[in-house]
Amino acid sequence: MGEPTDNGTGPVVAAILYERGAVSLSDAVEISGLSAARFSEIINSVERFSPNTVLAATGRGIVIPPEFKLSVLMPVYNEARTIKEIIERVREVNLNKEIIVVDDGSSDGTVAVLKSEIEGKVPDVRVFYSPRNQGKGAAVRRAIKEATGDVCVVQDADLEYDPQEYFQLLEPIIDGRADAVFGTRFMGGGPHRVHLFWHYVGNQFLTTISNAFSNLNLTDMETCYKLMRTELAQSLPLRANGFDIEPELTLKLAKAGARIYEVPISYSGRSYAEGKKINWKDGFKALYSIFRYRFSD
């Protein structure tokens, strides 16, 4: 990143680059030559006097407040092949964020990768370890507990979901319409890999049952991409250890009266040969969880 200009144009250049999404907030502050607090005051003033100005360009007209922070919750189990790439993809997203990695007792070399190449070496990444495999739900619950951002999003480490779609998912929360946003794979959106028919049937069955018990009309209850205001997420009494975290989150958000939106996303699904882990047994656990969490905490 270049040195701040000394002819008085630094703040202007920084504001333009930040507005266009060409640099992150921290880089814009460096270019401006101002303190982070002073630069944020300038951006907030522009927003106040010209509310239609896009301050952090996303290509979708969404205004990201300078002080906004996203917590990316990343449960990990046996993803040695993809963990470095998914962290890099998340870091490429032009947002102020933290990445909270929770390894769930991996046995394939993931822990070695995290300790030798990620932990303490990659900025804005915090890593936590479970001594044994407990399940995705346990890892998500730990990550929620550790989150310090304004909004948190669950991000699997298997490359099936595109972090560049955070912006479109954030829009209903940033503009005040939503408390939670689900990224749906079944309402259009970007490219989708076409496969696993029975997996789709099972998903639609569970979504329908979940809707009946939660009085929602979701199209994709089982989606990984669930964004929530962090304060709301941390207030939920979550208990699930496995993939049943998906219906538990859904039912408890509904019971909390959260305003839930869906936004179409792309999906690059894996086959079981490529490492997909959820199976028919998890479907039965999810069905039981829908009944359980509808009537109890």
Protein backbone atom coordinates (compact mmCIF):
# COMPACT_ATOMS: atom_id res chain seq x y z
CA MET A 1 0.00 0.00 0.00
CA GLY A 2 1.40 3.39 -0.98
CA GLU A 3 2.41 6.21 1.36
CA PRO A 4 -0.14 8.90 2.27
CA THR A 5 -0.04 11.87 -0.10
CA ASP A 6 1.35 15.14 1.25
CA ASN A 7 -0.62 17.57 -0.96
CA GLY A 8 -3.93 17.37 0.88
CA THR A 9 -5.51 14.90 -1.54
CA GLY A 10 -4.90 11.80 0.57
CA PRO A 11 -8.29 11.77 2.30
CA VAL A 12 -10.09 12.40 -0.99
CA VAL A 13 -8.27 9.62 -2.79
CA ALA A 14 -8.82 7.27 0.15
CA ALA A 15 -12.53 8.04 0.30
CA ILE A 16 -12.95 7.45 -3.46
CA LEU A 17 -11.07 4.15 -3.37
CA TYR A 18 -13.03 3.01 -0.34
CA GLU A 19 -16.30 4.08 -1.96
CA ARG A 20 -15.50 2.00 -5.05
CA GLY A 21 -14.57 -1.03 -3.01
CA ALA A 22 -10.99 -0.94 -4.29
CA VAL A 23 -9.42 -0.98 -0.83
CA SER A 24 -10.37 -2.11 2.65
CA LEU A 25 -11.17 0.36 5.42
CA SER A 26 -7.77 -0.14 7.07
CA ASP A 27 -5.95 0.51 3.77
CA ALA A 28 -8.09 3.59 3.13
CA VAL A 29 -7.14 4.98 6.53
CA GLU A 30 -3.46 4.43 5.72
CA ILE A 31 -3.78 6.21 2.38
CA SER A 32 -5.65 9.13 3.93
CA GLY A 33 -2.93 9.89 6.46
CA LEU A 34 -5.64 10.40 9.08
CA SER A 35 -6.47 8.51 12.23
CA ALA A 36 -9.06 5.76 11.90
CA ALA A 37 -11.47 7.77 14.04
CA ARG A 38 -11.09 10.93 11.92
CA PHE A 39 -11.48 9.06 8.63
CA SER A 40 -14.62 7.33 9.95
CA GLU A 41 -16.01 10.75 10.91
CA ILE A 42 -15.52 11.96 7.34
CA ILE A 43 -17.21 8.90 5.85
CA ASN A 44 -20.10 9.22 8.31
CA SER A 45 -20.48 12.90 7.41
CA VAL A 46 -20.71 12.05 3.71
CA GLU A 47 -23.36 9.45 4.51
CA ARG A 48 -25.29 11.92 6.65
CA PHE A 49 -25.31 14.73 4.09
CA SER A 50 -25.61 12.48 1.04
CA PRO A 51 -27.47 9.34 2.17
CA ASN A 52 -27.64 7.88 -1.33
CA THR A 53 -23.88 7.75 -1.69
CA VAL A 54 -22.47 4.22 -1.73
CA LEU A 55 -19.59 4.23 0.74
CA ALA A 56 -18.29 0.72 0.41
CA ALA A 57 -19.06 -0.31 -3.12
CA THR A 58 -20.26 -3.86 -3.47
CA GLY A 59 -21.80 -3.73 -6.91
CA ARG A 60 -25.21 -4.01 -5.26
CA GLY A 61 -25.76 -0.51 -3.86
CA ILE A 62 -25.38 -1.52 -0.21
CA VAL A 63 -23.87 0.95 2.24
CA ILE A 64 -21.51 -0.70 4.73
CA PRO A 65 -20.94 1.57 7.76
CA PRO A 66 -17.21 2.18 8.37
CA GLU A 67 -17.43 0.78 11.91
CA PHE A 68 -19.20 -2.43 10.81
CA LYS A 69 -17.53 -5.76 11.59
CA LEU A 70 -18.49 -9.23 10.36
CA SER A 71 -17.69 -12.38 12.33
CA VAL A 72 -17.15 -15.38 10.05
CA LEU A 73 -17.83 -18.58 11.99
CA MET A 74 -15.94 -21.48 10.42
CA PRO A 75 -16.54 -24.99 11.83
CA VAL A 76 -13.89 -27.35 10.49
CA TYR A 77 -13.64 -31.12 10.46
CA ASN A 78 -11.14 -32.99 8.24
CA GLU A 79 -10.71 -30.22 5.67
CA ALA A 80 -6.91 -30.26 5.28
CA ARG A 81 -7.29 -30.01 1.51
CA THR A 82 -9.45 -26.88 1.49
CA ILE A 83 -8.86 -25.00 4.76
CA LYS A 84 -6.16 -22.66 3.45
CA GLU A 85 -8.13 -21.83 0.31
CA ILE A 86 -11.40 -21.06 2.09
CA ILE A 87 -9.63 -18.79 4.57
CA GLU A 88 -7.98 -16.96 1.68
CA ARG A 89 -11.31 -16.61 -0.12
CA VAL A 90 -12.89 -15.12 2.99
CA ARG A 91 -9.97 -12.75 3.52
CA GLU A 92 -10.37 -11.49 -0.06
CA VAL A 93 -13.84 -10.15 0.74
CA ASN A 94 -13.60 -6.37 1.11
CA LEU A 95 -15.17 -6.14 4.56
CA ASN A 96 -13.90 -5.47 8.06
CA LYS A 97 -14.09 -8.94 9.57
CA GLU A 98 -12.75 -11.59 11.87
CA ILE A 99 -12.52 -15.28 11.03
CA ILE A 100 -13.18 -17.67 13.91
CA VAL A 101 -12.02 -21.18 13.06
CA VAL A 102 -13.12 -24.02 15.34
CA ASP A 103 -11.52 -27.35 14.55
CA ASP A 104 -13.79 -30.19 15.66
CA GLY A 105 -11.22 -32.88 16.40
CA SER A 106 -9.89 -33.34 12.86
CA SER A 107 -7.73 -36.38 12.18
CA ASP A 108 -6.61 -35.80 8.56
CA GLY A 109 -3.88 -33.21 9.06
CA THR A 110 -6.14 -30.16 9.33
CA VAL A 111 -4.80 -29.35 12.79
CA ALA A 112 -1.20 -29.44 11.50
CA VAL A 113 -2.10 -27.01 8.71
CA LEU A 114 -3.86 -24.67 11.11
CA LYS A 115 -1.00 -24.66 13.59
CA SER A 116 1.84 -24.39 11.07
CA GLU A 117 0.34 -22.04 8.46
CA ILE A 118 -2.69 -20.21 9.87
CA GLU A 119 -2.71 -19.68 13.63
CA GLY A 120 -0.68 -16.60 14.61
CA LYS A 121 0.41 -16.09 10.99
CA VAL A 122 -2.74 -14.95 9.17
CA PRO A 123 -4.21 -11.63 10.38
CA ASP A 124 -7.74 -11.49 11.81
CA VAL A 125 -7.96 -15.27 12.18
CA ARG A 126 -8.49 -16.89 15.57
CA VAL A 127 -8.32 -20.67 15.91
CA PHE A 128 -9.85 -22.89 18.57
CA TYR A 129 -9.51 -26.66 18.94
CA SER A 130 -11.78 -29.36 20.27
CA PRO A 131 -9.91 -32.36 21.68
CA ARG A 132 -12.47 -34.72 20.13
CA ASN A 133 -15.04 -34.71 17.36
CA GLN A 134 -18.37 -33.44 18.71
CA GLY A 135 -20.11 -32.26 15.56
CA LYS A 136 -20.78 -29.12 13.53
CA GLY A 137 -23.23 -27.77 16.08
CA ALA A 138 -20.69 -27.82 18.89
CA ALA A 139 -18.18 -25.96 16.71
CA VAL A 140 -20.76 -23.36 15.63
CA ARG A 141 -21.84 -22.79 19.23
CA ARG A 142 -18.22 -22.20 20.29
CA ALA A 143 -17.68 -19.80 17.39
CA ILE A 144 -20.83 -17.82 18.24
CA LYS A 145 -19.60 -17.49 21.80
CA GLU A 146 -16.27 -16.07 20.60
CA ALA A 147 -17.76 -13.65 18.02
CA THR A 148 -17.19 -9.90 18.50
CA GLY A 149 -18.64 -8.56 15.25
CA ASP A 150 -21.97 -6.84 14.63
CA VAL A 151 -23.21 -9.71 12.44
CA CYS A 152 -22.05 -13.32 12.27
CA VAL A 153 -22.24 -15.77 9.38
CA VAL A 154 -21.61 -19.51 9.31
CA GLN A 155 -19.06 -20.47 6.64
CA ASP A 156 -18.31 -24.12 5.95
CA ALA A 157 -14.71 -24.89 5.03
CA ASP A 158 -15.52 -27.09 2.03
CA LEU A 159 -15.71 -24.46 -0.79
CA GLU A 160 -19.40 -25.15 -1.50
CA TYR A 161 -20.39 -21.56 -0.64
CA ASP A 162 -18.94 -18.35 -2.10
CA PRO A 163 -17.84 -15.70 0.45
CA GLN A 164 -18.16 -12.96 -2.17
CA GLU A 165 -21.92 -13.30 -1.67
CA TYR A 166 -21.70 -11.91 1.87
CA PHE A 167 -22.66 -8.50 0.49
CA GLN A 168 -26.01 -9.55 -0.92
CA LEU A 169 -26.73 -11.53 2.23
CA LEU A 170 -25.90 -8.57 4.45
CA GLU A 171 -28.12 -6.09 2.64
CA PRO A 172 -31.42 -6.83 4.48
CA ILE A 173 -29.60 -6.59 7.84
CA ILE A 174 -27.60 -3.47 7.02
CA ASP A 175 -30.67 -1.59 5.80
CA GLY A 176 -32.63 -2.56 8.92
CA ARG A 177 -35.19 -4.95 7.46
CA ALA A 178 -33.87 -8.21 8.91
CA ASP A 179 -32.38 -9.72 12.04
CA ALA A 180 -31.30 -12.90 10.24
CA VAL A 181 -30.75 -13.86 6.60
CA PHE A 182 -30.64 -17.33 5.08
CA GLY A 183 -28.86 -17.90 1.78
CA THR A 184 -31.15 -20.13 -0.26
CA ARG A 185 -29.88 -22.50 -2.94
CA PHE A 186 -33.38 -22.96 -4.38
CA MET A 187 -34.48 -19.48 -5.49
CA GLY A 188 -32.29 -18.83 -8.49
CA GLY A 189 -29.12 -16.89 -7.72
CA GLY A 190 -25.78 -17.86 -9.24
CA PRO A 191 -24.55 -21.12 -10.78
CA HIS A 192 -25.53 -24.39 -9.09
CA ARG A 193 -23.95 -27.78 -9.48
CA VAL A 194 -26.65 -30.26 -10.55
CA HIS A 195 -26.47 -33.52 -8.57
CA LEU A 196 -27.72 -35.53 -5.56
CA PHE A 197 -31.45 -35.70 -6.27
CA TRP A 198 -32.35 -37.55 -3.05
CA HIS A 199 -30.37 -35.08 -1.01
CA TYR A 200 -32.54 -32.34 -2.53
CA VAL A 201 -35.74 -34.29 -1.77
CA GLY A 202 -34.67 -34.77 1.85
CA ASN A 203 -33.82 -31.09 2.17
CA GLN A 204 -37.23 -30.04 0.86
CA PHE A 205 -39.01 -32.48 3.18
CA LEU A 206 -37.17 -31.19 6.25
CA THR A 207 -37.69 -27.57 5.18
CA THR A 208 -41.44 -28.18 4.82
CA ILE A 209 -41.72 -29.81 8.25
CA SER A 210 -39.63 -27.04 9.77
CA ASN A 211 -41.88 -24.42 8.16
CA ALA A 212 -44.97 -26.11 9.57
CA PHE A 213 -43.58 -26.00 13.10
CA SER A 214 -42.02 -22.53 12.88
CA ASN A 215 -44.73 -20.84 10.77
CA LEU A 216 -42.10 -19.68 8.29
CA ASN A 217 -42.01 -20.12 4.51
CA LEU A 218 -38.33 -20.83 3.95
CA THR A 219 -37.13 -22.61 0.83
CA ASP A 220 -33.82 -23.85 2.30
CA MET A 221 -33.75 -24.47 6.05
CA GLU A 222 -30.60 -26.62 5.81
CA THR A 223 -28.44 -23.95 4.15
CA CYS A 224 -25.04 -23.27 5.67
CA TYR A 225 -25.31 -19.53 5.03
CA LYS A 226 -27.17 -18.18 8.03
CA LEU A 227 -26.38 -14.58 8.96
CA MET A 228 -27.57 -13.21 12.29
CA ARG A 229 -27.08 -10.14 14.36
CA THR A 230 -24.42 -11.36 16.79
CA GLU A 231 -26.25 -10.14 19.87
CA LEU A 232 -29.29 -12.15 18.78
CA ALA A 233 -27.25 -15.28 18.02
CA GLN A 234 -25.55 -15.12 21.41
CA SER A 235 -28.92 -14.82 23.15
CA LEU A 236 -30.22 -18.10 21.73
CA PRO A 237 -30.03 -21.14 24.06
CA LEU A 238 -28.36 -23.44 21.52
CA ARG A 239 -27.64 -27.06 22.43
CA ALA A 240 -27.24 -29.07 19.22
CA ASN A 241 -23.89 -30.76 18.62
CA GLY A 242 -24.33 -32.09 15.09
CA PHE A 243 -25.94 -31.02 11.82
CA ASP A 244 -29.15 -30.58 13.81
CA ILE A 245 -27.81 -27.10 14.56
CA GLU A 246 -29.56 -26.02 11.32
CA PRO A 247 -33.15 -26.74 12.46
CA GLU A 248 -32.32 -25.60 15.99
CA LEU A 249 -31.11 -22.20 14.78
CA THR A 250 -34.16 -21.89 12.54
CA LEU A 251 -36.72 -22.82 15.18
CA LYS A 252 -35.14 -20.68 17.88
CA LEU A 253 -34.80 -17.64 15.62
CA ALA A 254 -38.49 -18.02 14.81
CA LYS A 255 -39.42 -18.40 18.49
CA ALA A 256 -37.37 -15.29 19.28
CA GLY A 257 -39.48 -13.31 16.82
CA ALA A 258 -36.53 -12.59 14.52
CA ARG A 259 -37.25 -10.99 11.17
CA ILE A 260 -35.85 -13.59 8.74
CA TYR A 261 -35.15 -12.98 5.06
CA GLU A 262 -33.92 -15.31 2.31
CA VAL A 263 -31.48 -14.26 -0.42
CA PRO A 264 -30.59 -16.43 -3.47
CA ILE A 265 -27.02 -17.74 -3.58
CA SER A 266 -24.87 -19.94 -5.81
CA TYR A 267 -23.86 -23.43 -4.76
CA SER A 268 -20.93 -25.67 -5.71
CA GLY A 269 -22.00 -28.86 -3.95
CA ARG A 270 -19.59 -31.70 -3.30
CA SER A 271 -20.24 -35.37 -3.87
CA TYR A 272 -19.66 -37.88 -1.06
CA ALA A 273 -16.53 -39.03 -2.88
CA GLU A 274 -15.29 -35.44 -2.69
CA GLY A 275 -15.86 -35.25 1.06
CA LYS A 276 -19.52 -34.41 1.71
CA LYS A 277 -20.33 -35.52 5.26
CA ILE A 278 -24.06 -35.12 5.92
CA ASN A 279 -26.08 -38.32 5.35
CA TRP A 280 -29.52 -39.87 5.84
CA LYS A 281 -28.91 -40.43 9.56
CA ASP A 282 -28.50 -36.70 9.99
CA GLY A 283 -31.87 -36.27 8.31
CA PHE A 284 -33.57 -38.29 11.03
CA LYS A 285 -31.74 -36.30 13.70
CA ALA A 286 -32.90 -33.08 12.07
CA LEU A 287 -36.50 -34.30 12.02
CA TYR A 288 -36.33 -35.15 15.72
CA SER A 289 -34.76 -31.76 16.44
CA ILE A 290 -37.61 -29.92 14.71
CA PHE A 291 -40.10 -31.55 17.08
CA ARG A 292 -37.83 -31.14 20.09
CA TYR A 293 -36.94 -27.46 19.65
CA ARG A 294 -40.47 -26.46 18.71
CA PHE A 295 -41.70 -27.36 22.17
CA SER A 296 -38.64 -26.87 24.39
CA ASP A 297 -35.40 -24.93 24.72
